Amino acid sequence: MPIDLEIVSPEKLLLSQAVDMVVIPAEEGEMGVLPMHAPMIVTLREGTIRLYTNGVVTEQLAVSGGFAEVTNTRVTVLADGVVAVN
């Protein structure tokens, strides 16, 4: 069962897709989010968001900060700035 991920900048919706897991750079440290995660809102520090499908990193995005809202079915990242990482 995947978890829905949305990444939003102040200008627009940047990404909306289902992933198996997402790792976000929370202020308290890296945080892996799987389906059925406990709901929470966290502050993001500068770092890399990693998207996983079938145990493999499929995409990486650098963020300059922001917030993330986690529910048991969705992660919504409100990012100050986002850049794709090769």
PDB file of N, CA and C in Angstrom:
ATOM      1  N   MET A   1       0.851  -1.182   0.000  1.00  0.00           N
ATOM      2  CA  MET A   1       0.000   0.000   0.000  1.00  0.00           C
ATOM      3  C   MET A   1       0.893   1.240   0.000  1.00  0.00           C
ATOM      4  N   PRO A   2       0.858   2.049  -1.043  1.00  0.00           N
ATOM      5  CA  PRO A   2       1.709   3.244  -1.114  1.00  0.00           C
ATOM      6  C   PRO A   2       1.148   4.399  -0.279  1.00  0.00           C
ATOM      7  N   ILE A   3       1.970   5.419  -0.132  1.00  0.00           N
ATOM      8  CA  ILE A   3       1.560   6.649   0.539  1.00  0.00           C
ATOM      9  C   ILE A   3       1.601   7.759  -0.505  1.00  0.00           C
ATOM     10  N   ASP A   4       0.617   8.642  -0.475  1.00  0.00           N
ATOM     11  CA  ASP A   4       0.559   9.747  -1.432  1.00  0.00           C
ATOM     12  C   ASP A   4       1.483  10.865  -0.970  1.00  0.00           C
ATOM     13  N   LEU A   5       2.271  11.397  -1.892  1.00  0.00           N
ATOM     14  CA  LEU A   5       3.213  12.472  -1.601  1.00  0.00           C
ATOM     15  C   LEU A   5       2.892  13.665  -2.480  1.00  0.00           C
ATOM     16  N   GLU A   6       2.787  14.828  -1.856  1.00  0.00           N
ATOM     17  CA  GLU A   6       2.643  16.078  -2.593  1.00  0.00           C
ATOM     18  C   GLU A   6       3.716  17.032  -2.111  1.00  0.00           C
ATOM     19  N   ILE A   7       4.407  17.661  -3.058  1.00  0.00           N
ATOM     20  CA  ILE A   7       5.401  18.679  -2.734  1.00  0.00           C
ATOM     21  C   ILE A   7       4.935  19.969  -3.395  1.00  0.00           C
ATOM     22  N   VAL A   8       4.770  21.003  -2.562  1.00  0.00           N
ATOM     23  CA  VAL A   8       4.213  22.273  -3.004  1.00  0.00           C
ATOM     24  C   VAL A   8       5.191  23.382  -2.670  1.00  0.00           C
ATOM     25  N   SER A   9       5.433  24.264  -3.644  1.00  0.00           N
ATOM     26  CA  SER A   9       6.231  25.465  -3.388  1.00  0.00           C
ATOM     27  C   SER A   9       5.255  26.634  -3.273  1.00  0.00           C
ATOM     28  N   PRO A  10       5.739  27.816  -2.897  1.00  0.00           N
ATOM     29  CA  PRO A  10       4.826  28.965  -2.846  1.00  0.00           C
ATOM     30  C   PRO A  10       4.159  29.250  -4.196  1.00  0.00           C
ATOM     31  N   GLU A  11       4.792  28.843  -5.299  1.00  0.00           N
ATOM     32  CA  GLU A  11       4.259  29.149  -6.619  1.00  0.00           C
ATOM     33  C   GLU A  11       3.293  28.104  -7.166  1.00  0.00           C
ATOM     34  N   LYS A  12       3.573  26.795  -6.885  1.00  0.00           N
ATOM     35  CA  LYS A  12       2.770  25.769  -7.552  1.00  0.00           C
ATOM     36  C   LYS A  12       2.974  24.394  -6.924  1.00  0.00           C
ATOM     37  N   LEU A  13       2.151  23.446  -7.362  1.00  0.00           N
ATOM     38  CA  LEU A  13       2.303  22.036  -7.022  1.00  0.00           C
ATOM     39  C   LEU A  13       3.448  21.489  -7.858  1.00  0.00           C
ATOM     40  N   LEU A  14       4.483  20.977  -7.210  1.00  0.00           N
ATOM     41  CA  LEU A  14       5.673  20.497  -7.913  1.00  0.00           C
ATOM     42  C   LEU A  14       5.640  19.006  -8.198  1.00  0.00           C
ATOM     43  N   LEU A  15       5.014  18.242  -7.301  1.00  0.00           N
ATOM     44  CA  LEU A  15       5.028  16.788  -7.458  1.00  0.00           C
ATOM     45  C   LEU A  15       3.828  16.214  -6.735  1.00  0.00           C
ATOM     46  N   SER A  16       3.188  15.241  -7.349  1.00  0.00           N
ATOM     47  CA  SER A  16       2.088  14.525  -6.721  1.00  0.00           C
ATOM     48  C   SER A  16       2.142  13.090  -7.232  1.00  0.00           C
ATOM     49  N   GLN A  17       2.538  12.164  -6.356  1.00  0.00           N
ATOM     50  CA  GLN A  17       2.631  10.764  -6.763  1.00  0.00           C
ATOM     51  C   GLN A  17       2.592   9.859  -5.542  1.00  0.00           C
ATOM     52  N   ALA A  18       2.327   8.599  -5.795  1.00  0.00           N
ATOM     53  CA  ALA A  18       2.325   7.584  -4.746  1.00  0.00           C
ATOM     54  C   ALA A  18       3.714   6.954  -4.676  1.00  0.00           C
ATOM     55  N   VAL A  19       4.217   6.774  -3.455  1.00  0.00           N
ATOM     56  CA  VAL A  19       5.528   6.151  -3.237  1.00  0.00           C
ATOM     57  C   VAL A  19       5.395   5.140  -2.108  1.00  0.00           C
ATOM     58  N   ASP A  20       6.367   4.244  -2.022  1.00  0.00           N
ATOM     59  CA  ASP A  20       6.362   3.267  -0.930  1.00  0.00           C
ATOM     60  C   ASP A  20       6.819   3.893   0.380  1.00  0.00           C
ATOM     61  N   MET A  21       7.795   4.814   0.285  1.00  0.00           N
ATOM     62  CA  MET A  21       8.324   5.503   1.463  1.00  0.00           C
ATOM     63  C   MET A  21       8.937   6.819   1.008  1.00  0.00           C
ATOM     64  N   VAL A  22       8.909   7.803   1.885  1.00  0.00           N
ATOM     65  CA  VAL A  22       9.593   9.073   1.640  1.00  0.00           C
ATOM     66  C   VAL A  22      10.409   9.403   2.881  1.00  0.00           C
ATOM     67  N   VAL A  23      11.630   9.895   2.663  1.00  0.00           N
ATOM     68  CA  VAL A  23      12.490  10.340   3.760  1.00  0.00           C
ATOM     69  C   VAL A  23      12.611  11.849   3.644  1.00  0.00           C
ATOM     70  N   ILE A  24      12.268  12.556   4.729  1.00  0.00           N
ATOM     71  CA  ILE A  24      12.297  14.012   4.721  1.00  0.00           C
ATOM     72  C   ILE A  24      13.294  14.522   5.757  1.00  0.00           C
ATOM     73  N   PRO A  25      13.905  15.693   5.492  1.00  0.00           N
ATOM     74  CA  PRO A  25      14.882  16.256   6.427  1.00  0.00           C
ATOM     75  C   PRO A  25      14.207  17.118   7.502  1.00  0.00           C
ATOM     76  N   ALA A  26      13.646  16.478   8.505  1.00  0.00           N
ATOM     77  CA  ALA A  26      12.992  17.201   9.594  1.00  0.00           C
ATOM     78  C   ALA A  26      14.043  17.895  10.467  1.00  0.00           C
ATOM     79  N   GLU A  27      13.648  18.932  11.167  1.00  0.00           N
ATOM     80  CA  GLU A  27      14.570  19.647  12.059  1.00  0.00           C
ATOM     81  C   GLU A  27      15.216  18.702  13.071  1.00  0.00           C
ATOM     82  N   GLU A  28      14.473  17.696  13.521  1.00  0.00           N
ATOM     83  CA  GLU A  28      14.968  16.762  14.537  1.00  0.00           C
ATOM     84  C   GLU A  28      15.863  15.684  13.946  1.00  0.00           C
ATOM     85  N   GLY A  29      15.935  15.597  12.619  1.00  0.00           N
ATOM     86  CA  GLY A  29      16.733  14.586  11.939  1.00  0.00           C
ATOM     87  C   GLY A  29      15.957  13.983  10.789  1.00  0.00           C
ATOM     88  N   GLU A  30      16.605  13.111  10.025  1.00  0.00           N
ATOM     89  CA  GLU A  30      15.944  12.468   8.893  1.00  0.00           C
ATOM     90  C   GLU A  30      14.780  11.624   9.393  1.00  0.00           C
ATOM     91  N   MET A  31      13.672  11.675   8.658  1.00  0.00           N
ATOM     92  CA  MET A  31      12.455  10.997   9.095  1.00  0.00           C
ATOM     93  C   MET A  31      11.882  10.200   7.936  1.00  0.00           C
ATOM     94  N   GLY A  32      11.817   8.891   8.096  1.00  0.00           N
ATOM     95  CA  GLY A  32      11.208   8.033   7.095  1.00  0.00           C
ATOM     96  C   GLY A  32       9.715   7.923   7.344  1.00  0.00           C
ATOM     97  N   VAL A  33       8.919   8.066   6.297  1.00  0.00           N
ATOM     98  CA  VAL A  33       7.464   8.008   6.425  1.00  0.00           C
ATOM     99  C   VAL A  33       6.932   6.882   5.540  1.00  0.00           C
ATOM    100  N   LEU A  34       6.242   5.963   6.169  1.00  0.00           N
ATOM    101  CA  LEU A  34       5.594   4.833   5.502  1.00  0.00           C
ATOM    102  C   LEU A  34       4.085   4.976   5.651  1.00  0.00           C
ATOM    103  N   PRO A  35       3.292   4.233   4.869  1.00  0.00           N
ATOM    104  CA  PRO A  35       1.842   4.255   5.074  1.00  0.00           C
ATOM    105  C   PRO A  35       1.496   3.908   6.520  1.00  0.00           C
ATOM    106  N   MET A  36       0.448   4.503   7.023  1.00  0.00           N
ATOM    107  CA  MET A  36      -0.061   4.319   8.394  1.00  0.00           C
ATOM    108  C   MET A  36       0.820   5.000   9.444  1.00  0.00           C
ATOM    109  N   HIS A  37       1.615   5.981   9.042  1.00  0.00           N
ATOM    110  CA  HIS A  37       2.444   6.747   9.969  1.00  0.00           C
ATOM    111  C   HIS A  37       1.540   7.569  10.883  1.00  0.00           C
ATOM    112  N   ALA A  38       1.988   7.828  12.084  1.00  0.00           N
ATOM    113  CA  ALA A  38       1.239   8.671  13.006  1.00  0.00           C
ATOM    114  C   ALA A  38       1.153  10.090  12.453  1.00  0.00           C
ATOM    115  N   PRO A  39      -0.002  10.732  12.563  1.00  0.00           N
ATOM    116  CA  PRO A  39      -0.149  12.101  12.064  1.00  0.00           C
ATOM    117  C   PRO A  39       0.741  13.074  12.830  1.00  0.00           C
ATOM    118  N   MET A  40       1.338  14.024  12.105  1.00  0.00           N
ATOM    119  CA  MET A  40       2.164  15.052  12.730  1.00  0.00           C
ATOM    120  C   MET A  40       2.472  16.155  11.730  1.00  0.00           C
ATOM    121  N   ILE A  41       2.927  17.272  12.261  1.00  0.00           N
ATOM    122  CA  ILE A  41       3.426  18.378  11.443  1.00  0.00           C
ATOM    123  C   ILE A  41       4.839  18.648  11.917  1.00  0.00           C
ATOM    124  N   VAL A  42       5.798  18.703  10.974  1.00  0.00           N
ATOM    125  CA  VAL A  42       7.204  18.913  11.331  1.00  0.00           C
ATOM    126  C   VAL A  42       7.784  20.054  10.506  1.00  0.00           C
ATOM    127  N   THR A  43       8.773  20.712  11.080  1.00  0.00           N
ATOM    128  CA  THR A  43       9.533  21.733  10.380  1.00  0.00           C
ATOM    129  C   THR A  43      10.659  21.053   9.619  1.00  0.00           C
ATOM    130  N   LEU A  44      10.901  21.509   8.397  1.00  0.00           N
ATOM    131  CA  LEU A  44      11.980  20.946   7.593  1.00  0.00           C
ATOM    132  C   LEU A  44      13.204  21.853   7.645  1.00  0.00           C
ATOM    133  N   ARG A  45      14.366  21.220   7.671  1.00  0.00           N
ATOM    134  CA  ARG A  45      15.622  21.952   7.555  1.00  0.00           C
ATOM    135  C   ARG A  45      16.107  21.797   6.113  1.00  0.00           C
ATOM    136  N   GLU A  46      17.166  22.485   5.767  1.00  0.00           N
ATOM    137  CA  GLU A  46      17.749  22.309   4.435  1.00  0.00           C
ATOM    138  C   GLU A  46      18.257  20.879   4.318  1.00  0.00           C
ATOM    139  N   GLY A  47      17.945  20.223   3.216  1.00  0.00           N
ATOM    140  CA  GLY A  47      18.375  18.839   3.041  1.00  0.00           C
ATOM    141  C   GLY A  47      17.745  18.219   1.813  1.00  0.00           C
ATOM    142  N   THR A  48      17.726  16.880   1.788  1.00  0.00           N
ATOM    143  CA  THR A  48      17.259  16.135   0.619  1.00  0.00           C
ATOM    144  C   THR A  48      16.055  15.276   0.969  1.00  0.00           C
ATOM    145  N   ILE A  49      15.030  15.355   0.133  1.00  0.00           N
ATOM    146  CA  ILE A  49      13.874  14.464   0.222  1.00  0.00           C
ATOM    147  C   ILE A  49      14.155  13.301  -0.721  1.00  0.00           C
ATOM    148  N   ARG A  50      14.013  12.073  -0.207  1.00  0.00           N
ATOM    149  CA  ARG A  50      14.254  10.884  -1.031  1.00  0.00           C
ATOM    150  C   ARG A  50      12.948  10.091  -1.171  1.00  0.00           C
ATOM    151  N   LEU A  51      12.604   9.756  -2.401  1.00  0.00           N
ATOM    152  CA  LEU A  51      11.413   8.972  -2.692  1.00  0.00           C
ATOM    153  C   LEU A  51      11.824   7.539  -2.996  1.00  0.00           C
ATOM    154  N   TYR A  52      11.137   6.579  -2.383  1.00  0.00           N
ATOM    155  CA  TYR A  52      11.463   5.160  -2.555  1.00  0.00           C
ATOM    156  C   TYR A  52      10.286   4.407  -3.167  1.00  0.00           C
ATOM    157  N   THR A  53      10.615   3.519  -4.113  1.00  0.00           N
ATOM    158  CA  THR A  53       9.656   2.567  -4.659  1.00  0.00           C
ATOM    159  C   THR A  53      10.383   1.232  -4.773  1.00  0.00           C
ATOM    160  N   ASN A  54       9.768   0.181  -4.249  1.00  0.00           N
ATOM    161  CA  ASN A  54      10.365  -1.163  -4.250  1.00  0.00           C
ATOM    162  C   ASN A  54      11.754  -1.159  -3.615  1.00  0.00           C
ATOM    163  N   GLY A  55      11.942  -0.368  -2.559  1.00  0.00           N
ATOM    164  CA  GLY A  55      13.203  -0.350  -1.825  1.00  0.00           C
ATOM    165  C   GLY A  55      14.327   0.417  -2.488  1.00  0.00           C
ATOM    166  N   VAL A  56      14.035   1.116  -3.593  1.00  0.00           N
ATOM    167  CA  VAL A  56      15.058   1.837  -4.345  1.00  0.00           C
ATOM    168  C   VAL A  56      14.710   3.323  -4.391  1.00  0.00           C
ATOM    169  N   VAL A  57      15.723   4.174  -4.227  1.00  0.00           N
ATOM    170  CA  VAL A  57      15.505   5.617  -4.356  1.00  0.00           C
ATOM    171  C   VAL A  57      15.202   5.916  -5.818  1.00  0.00           C
ATOM    172  N   THR A  58      14.023   6.477  -6.073  1.00  0.00           N
ATOM    173  CA  THR A  58      13.619   6.779  -7.446  1.00  0.00           C
ATOM    174  C   THR A  58      13.786   8.251  -7.790  1.00  0.00           C
ATOM    175  N   GLU A  59      13.851   9.103  -6.778  1.00  0.00           N
ATOM    176  CA  GLU A  59      14.001  10.534  -7.028  1.00  0.00           C
ATOM    177  C   GLU A  59      14.524  11.201  -5.763  1.00  0.00           C
ATOM    178  N   GLN A  60      15.322  12.258  -5.941  1.00  0.00           N
ATOM    179  CA  GLN A  60      15.828  13.050  -4.824  1.00  0.00           C
ATOM    180  C   GLN A  60      15.598  14.522  -5.135  1.00  0.00           C
ATOM    181  N   LEU A  61      15.146  15.252  -4.121  1.00  0.00           N
ATOM    182  CA  LEU A  61      14.860  16.669  -4.267  1.00  0.00           C
ATOM    183  C   LEU A  61      15.499  17.426  -3.103  1.00  0.00           C
ATOM    184  N   ALA A  62      16.251  18.471  -3.412  1.00  0.00           N
ATOM    185  CA  ALA A  62      16.848  19.305  -2.373  1.00  0.00           C
ATOM    186  C   ALA A  62      15.832  20.363  -1.966  1.00  0.00           C
ATOM    187  N   VAL A  63      15.631  20.526  -0.656  1.00  0.00           N
ATOM    188  CA  VAL A  63      14.724  21.557  -0.155  1.00  0.00           C
ATOM    189  C   VAL A  63      15.519  22.528   0.720  1.00  0.00           C
ATOM    190  N   SER A  64      15.064  23.768   0.731  1.00  0.00           N
ATOM    191  CA  SER A  64      15.754  24.778   1.529  1.00  0.00           C
ATOM    192  C   SER A  64      15.052  25.054   2.847  1.00  0.00           C
ATOM    193  N   GLY A  65      14.032  24.280   3.156  1.00  0.00           N
ATOM    194  CA  GLY A  65      13.281  24.443   4.400  1.00  0.00           C
ATOM    195  C   GLY A  65      11.797  24.387   4.111  1.00  0.00           C
ATOM    196  N   GLY A  66      11.001  24.490   5.165  1.00  0.00           N
ATOM    197  CA  GLY A  66       9.551  24.474   5.024  1.00  0.00           C
ATOM    198  C   GLY A  66       8.905  23.644   6.112  1.00  0.00           C
ATOM    199  N   PHE A  67       7.770  23.052   5.783  1.00  0.00           N
ATOM    200  CA  PHE A  67       7.003  22.233   6.719  1.00  0.00           C
ATOM    201  C   PHE A  67       6.515  20.983   6.001  1.00  0.00           C
ATOM    202  N   ALA A  68       6.208  19.950   6.778  1.00  0.00           N
ATOM    203  CA  ALA A  68       5.595  18.743   6.221  1.00  0.00           C
ATOM    204  C   ALA A  68       4.445  18.326   7.130  1.00  0.00           C
ATOM    205  N   GLU A  69       3.314  18.010   6.507  1.00  0.00           N
ATOM    206  CA  GLU A  69       2.175  17.463   7.235  1.00  0.00           C
ATOM    207  C   GLU A  69       2.078  15.988   6.876  1.00  0.00           C
ATOM    208  N   VAL A  70       2.087  15.146   7.892  1.00  0.00           N
ATOM    209  CA  VAL A  70       2.039  13.697   7.699  1.00  0.00           C
ATOM    210  C   VAL A  70       0.721  13.178   8.251  1.00  0.00           C
ATOM    211  N   THR A  71       0.015  12.377   7.441  1.00  0.00           N
ATOM    212  CA  THR A  71      -1.153  11.641   7.931  1.00  0.00           C
ATOM    213  C   THR A  71      -0.885  10.164   7.647  1.00  0.00           C
ATOM    214  N   ASN A  72      -1.842   9.317   7.957  1.00  0.00           N
ATOM    215  CA  ASN A  72      -1.598   7.885   7.740  1.00  0.00           C
ATOM    216  C   ASN A  72      -1.648   7.497   6.258  1.00  0.00           C
ATOM    217  N   THR A  73      -2.104   8.396   5.383  1.00  0.00           N
ATOM    218  CA  THR A  73      -2.185   8.075   3.955  1.00  0.00           C
ATOM    219  C   THR A  73      -1.464   9.080   3.055  1.00  0.00           C
ATOM    220  N   ARG A  74      -0.971  10.200   3.608  1.00  0.00           N
ATOM    221  CA  ARG A  74      -0.439  11.276   2.769  1.00  0.00           C
ATOM    222  C   ARG A  74       0.663  12.043   3.482  1.00  0.00           C
ATOM    223  N   VAL A  75       1.635  12.510   2.680  1.00  0.00           N
ATOM    224  CA  VAL A  75       2.654  13.455   3.143  1.00  0.00           C
ATOM    225  C   VAL A  75       2.553  14.676   2.242  1.00  0.00           C
ATOM    226  N   THR A  76       2.351  15.837   2.838  1.00  0.00           N
ATOM    227  CA  THR A  76       2.308  17.086   2.080  1.00  0.00           C
ATOM    228  C   THR A  76       3.471  17.946   2.539  1.00  0.00           C
ATOM    229  N   VAL A  77       4.374  18.251   1.622  1.00  0.00           N
ATOM    230  CA  VAL A  77       5.539  19.078   1.916  1.00  0.00           C
ATOM    231  C   VAL A  77       5.275  20.480   1.374  1.00  0.00           C
ATOM    232  N   LEU A  78       5.347  21.470   2.256  1.00  0.00           N
ATOM    233  CA  LEU A  78       5.242  22.869   1.870  1.00  0.00           C
ATOM    234  C   LEU A  78       6.648  23.430   1.932  1.00  0.00           C
ATOM    235  N   ALA A  79       7.313  23.460   0.783  1.00  0.00           N
ATOM    236  CA  ALA A  79       8.742  23.772   0.731  1.00  0.00           C
ATOM    237  C   ALA A  79       8.987  25.230   0.378  1.00  0.00           C
ATOM    238  N   ASP A  80      10.008  25.823   1.023  1.00  0.00           N
ATOM    239  CA  ASP A  80      10.425  27.183   0.685  1.00  0.00           C
ATOM    240  C   ASP A  80      11.024  27.205  -0.710  1.00  0.00           C
ATOM    241  N   GLY A  81      11.814  26.184  -1.043  1.00  0.00           N
ATOM    242  CA  GLY A  81      12.434  26.073  -2.357  1.00  0.00           C
ATOM    243  C   GLY A  81      12.804  24.627  -2.615  1.00  0.00           C
ATOM    244  N   VAL A  82      12.664  24.183  -3.860  1.00  0.00           N
ATOM    245  CA  VAL A  82      12.932  22.779  -4.216  1.00  0.00           C
ATOM    246  C   VAL A  82      13.724  22.737  -5.522  1.00  0.00           C
ATOM    247  N   VAL A  83      14.761  21.862  -5.555  1.00  0.00           N
ATOM    248  CA  VAL A  83      15.558  21.648  -6.759  1.00  0.00           C
ATOM    249  C   VAL A  83      15.785  20.145  -6.910  1.00  0.00           C
ATOM    250  N   ALA A  84      15.627  19.622  -8.111  1.00  0.00           N
ATOM    251  CA  ALA A  84      15.892  18.203  -8.372  1.00  0.00           C
ATOM    252  C   ALA A  84      17.389  17.925  -8.227  1.00  0.00           C
ATOM    253  N   VAL A  85      17.720  16.763  -7.638  1.00  0.00           N
ATOM    254  CA  VAL A  85      19.102  16.333  -7.455  1.00  0.00           C
ATOM    255  C   VAL A  85      19.358  15.185  -8.416  1.00  0.00           C
ATOM    256  N   ASN A  86      20.468  15.221  -9.129  1.00  0.00           N
ATOM    257  CA  ASN A  86      20.793  14.142 -10.079  1.00  0.00           C
ATOM    258  C   ASN A  86      21.395  12.958  -9.369  1.00  0.00           C
TER     259      ASN A  86
END
